[in-house]
Amino acid sequence: QVQLVESGGGLVQAGDSLRLSCAASRRTIDYAGLGWFRQAPGKKREFVAYSDWSGSPYYEDSVQGRFTLSVDNAKNTIYLQMHSLEPEDTATYYCAAKTSTGSYYLDYMYDYWGPGTQVTVSS
């Protein structure tokens, strides 16, 4: 069964904004937490943002202050609002879900992954 599906990627210019969505097949509150990762060509998949609903979301340093993770529990959807995009943000962005606690910044700690959505930022 499909657990997560991302949408909202596209081609934008540096300085522009995008809002990514991740629709979940189960209630968002039933996961231990939900996060965003990204992977550029030739690069390892890296952590972007995470929330377990217990407090403020966690962010990777390079996106802190530019990206915001939010959740709509009624729609079982999480979002990644991205501002001031840079060419270095170009990557395939993945939504991921954890069913247990701990190590939110490690991709192998997540149990479910969406197929990804491409974000390309031109200079």
Protein backbone atom coordinates (compact mmCIF):
# COMPACT_ATOMS: atom_id res chain seq x y z
CA GLN A 1 0.00 0.00 0.00
CA VAL A 2 1.27 3.48 -0.89
CA GLN A 3 2.03 5.33 2.34
CA LEU A 4 3.35 8.72 1.15
CA VAL A 5 3.13 10.74 -2.08
CA GLU A 6 4.93 14.06 -2.62
CA SER A 7 3.88 16.86 -4.95
CA GLY A 8 4.68 20.51 -5.65
CA GLY A 9 8.16 20.34 -7.15
CA GLY A 10 9.15 22.32 -10.20
CA LEU A 11 11.63 24.60 -11.91
CA VAL A 12 12.16 28.00 -10.28
CA GLN A 13 14.73 30.78 -10.24
CA ALA A 14 17.05 31.58 -7.36
CA GLY A 15 15.20 33.57 -4.71
CA ASP A 16 11.82 32.06 -5.55
CA SER A 17 9.55 29.99 -3.31
CA LEU A 18 7.92 26.55 -3.55
CA ARG A 19 5.55 24.62 -1.32
CA LEU A 20 5.91 20.85 -1.28
CA SER A 21 3.11 18.59 -0.07
CA CYS A 22 3.19 15.03 1.25
CA ALA A 23 -0.10 13.12 1.44
CA ALA A 24 -0.15 10.18 3.86
CA SER A 25 -2.32 7.07 3.61
CA ARG A 26 -2.81 6.96 7.38
CA ARG A 27 -3.38 9.65 9.98
CA THR A 28 -0.28 11.76 10.40
CA ILE A 29 -0.62 11.54 14.17
CA ASP A 30 -0.31 7.74 13.97
CA TYR A 31 3.32 8.02 12.83
CA ALA A 32 6.06 8.63 15.37
CA GLY A 33 7.12 11.49 13.12
CA LEU A 34 7.39 12.72 9.54
CA GLY A 35 10.33 14.29 7.79
CA TRP A 36 11.78 15.61 4.56
CA PHE A 37 15.01 14.49 2.91
CA ARG A 38 16.62 15.46 -0.38
CA GLN A 39 19.12 13.91 -2.77
CA ALA A 40 21.09 15.64 -5.51
CA PRO A 41 22.81 13.73 -8.34
CA GLY A 42 25.93 11.99 -7.07
CA LYS A 43 25.15 12.98 -3.48
CA LYS A 44 24.00 11.02 -0.46
CA ARG A 45 20.42 11.57 0.66
CA GLU A 46 20.46 14.23 3.36
CA PHE A 47 18.14 15.34 6.14
CA VAL A 48 16.11 18.52 5.64
CA ALA A 49 13.35 18.78 8.27
CA TYR A 50 11.44 16.68 10.81
CA SER A 51 8.56 16.88 13.26
CA ASP A 52 7.16 14.45 15.84
CA TRP A 53 4.43 16.93 16.84
CA SER A 54 5.84 17.31 20.35
CA GLY A 55 7.46 20.69 19.71
CA SER A 56 9.07 22.89 17.09
CA PRO A 57 10.31 21.06 13.99
CA TYR A 58 14.00 20.30 13.50
CA TYR A 59 15.89 21.68 10.47
CA GLU A 60 19.21 21.12 8.79
CA ASP A 61 21.47 24.16 9.21
CA SER A 62 21.48 25.17 5.54
CA VAL A 63 17.67 25.48 5.40
CA GLN A 64 17.08 26.95 8.87
CA GLY A 65 15.16 30.21 8.51
CA ARG A 66 14.27 29.51 4.87
CA PHE A 67 12.20 26.31 5.07
CA THR A 68 9.18 25.63 7.28
CA LEU A 69 7.62 22.22 7.95
CA SER A 70 3.93 22.23 8.84
CA VAL A 71 1.16 19.64 9.21
CA ASP A 72 -2.55 19.54 8.46
CA ASN A 73 -3.77 16.60 10.52
CA ALA A 74 -7.30 16.88 9.13
CA LYS A 75 -5.94 16.27 5.62
CA ASN A 76 -3.21 13.81 6.71
CA THR A 77 -0.72 16.01 4.89
CA ILE A 78 2.58 17.65 5.75
CA TYR A 79 4.15 20.56 3.89
CA LEU A 80 7.56 22.02 3.28
CA GLN A 81 7.36 25.74 2.52
CA MET A 82 10.63 26.80 0.90
CA HIS A 83 11.71 30.44 0.53
CA SER A 84 14.83 32.07 -0.87
CA LEU A 85 15.68 28.99 -2.89
CA GLU A 86 19.25 28.59 -4.06
CA PRO A 87 20.78 26.45 -6.83
CA GLU A 88 22.26 24.32 -4.03
CA ASP A 89 18.70 23.35 -3.06
CA THR A 90 18.28 21.51 -6.38
CA ALA A 91 17.46 17.88 -5.57
CA THR A 92 14.78 15.24 -5.48
CA TYR A 93 12.81 15.85 -2.28
CA TYR A 94 11.39 12.88 -0.36
CA CYS A 95 8.81 12.65 2.38
CA ALA A 96 9.53 9.95 4.96
CA ALA A 97 7.75 8.49 8.00
CA LYS A 98 9.10 6.95 11.20
CA THR A 99 7.21 4.41 13.28
CA SER A 100 9.64 4.56 16.20
CA THR A 101 11.51 7.30 18.05
CA GLY A 102 15.14 8.34 17.76
CA SER A 103 17.69 9.65 15.25
CA TYR A 104 15.40 11.71 13.04
CA TYR A 105 18.36 12.95 10.95
CA LEU A 106 19.35 9.45 9.70
CA ASP A 107 17.55 8.26 6.59
CA TYR A 108 17.80 4.57 7.51
CA MET A 109 15.74 5.20 10.64
CA TYR A 110 12.64 5.83 8.49
CA ASP A 111 10.21 3.08 7.52
CA TYR A 112 8.19 4.59 4.65
CA TRP A 113 9.24 6.79 1.72
CA GLY A 114 7.44 8.61 -1.04
CA PRO A 115 8.65 8.40 -4.66
CA GLY A 116 10.03 11.95 -4.53
CA THR A 117 9.39 15.25 -6.29
CA GLN A 118 12.01 17.16 -8.26
CA VAL A 119 13.02 20.70 -7.31
CA THR A 120 15.30 22.54 -9.72
CA VAL A 121 16.57 26.04 -8.91
CA SER A 122 18.29 27.97 -11.68
CA SER A 123 20.68 30.86 -11.12
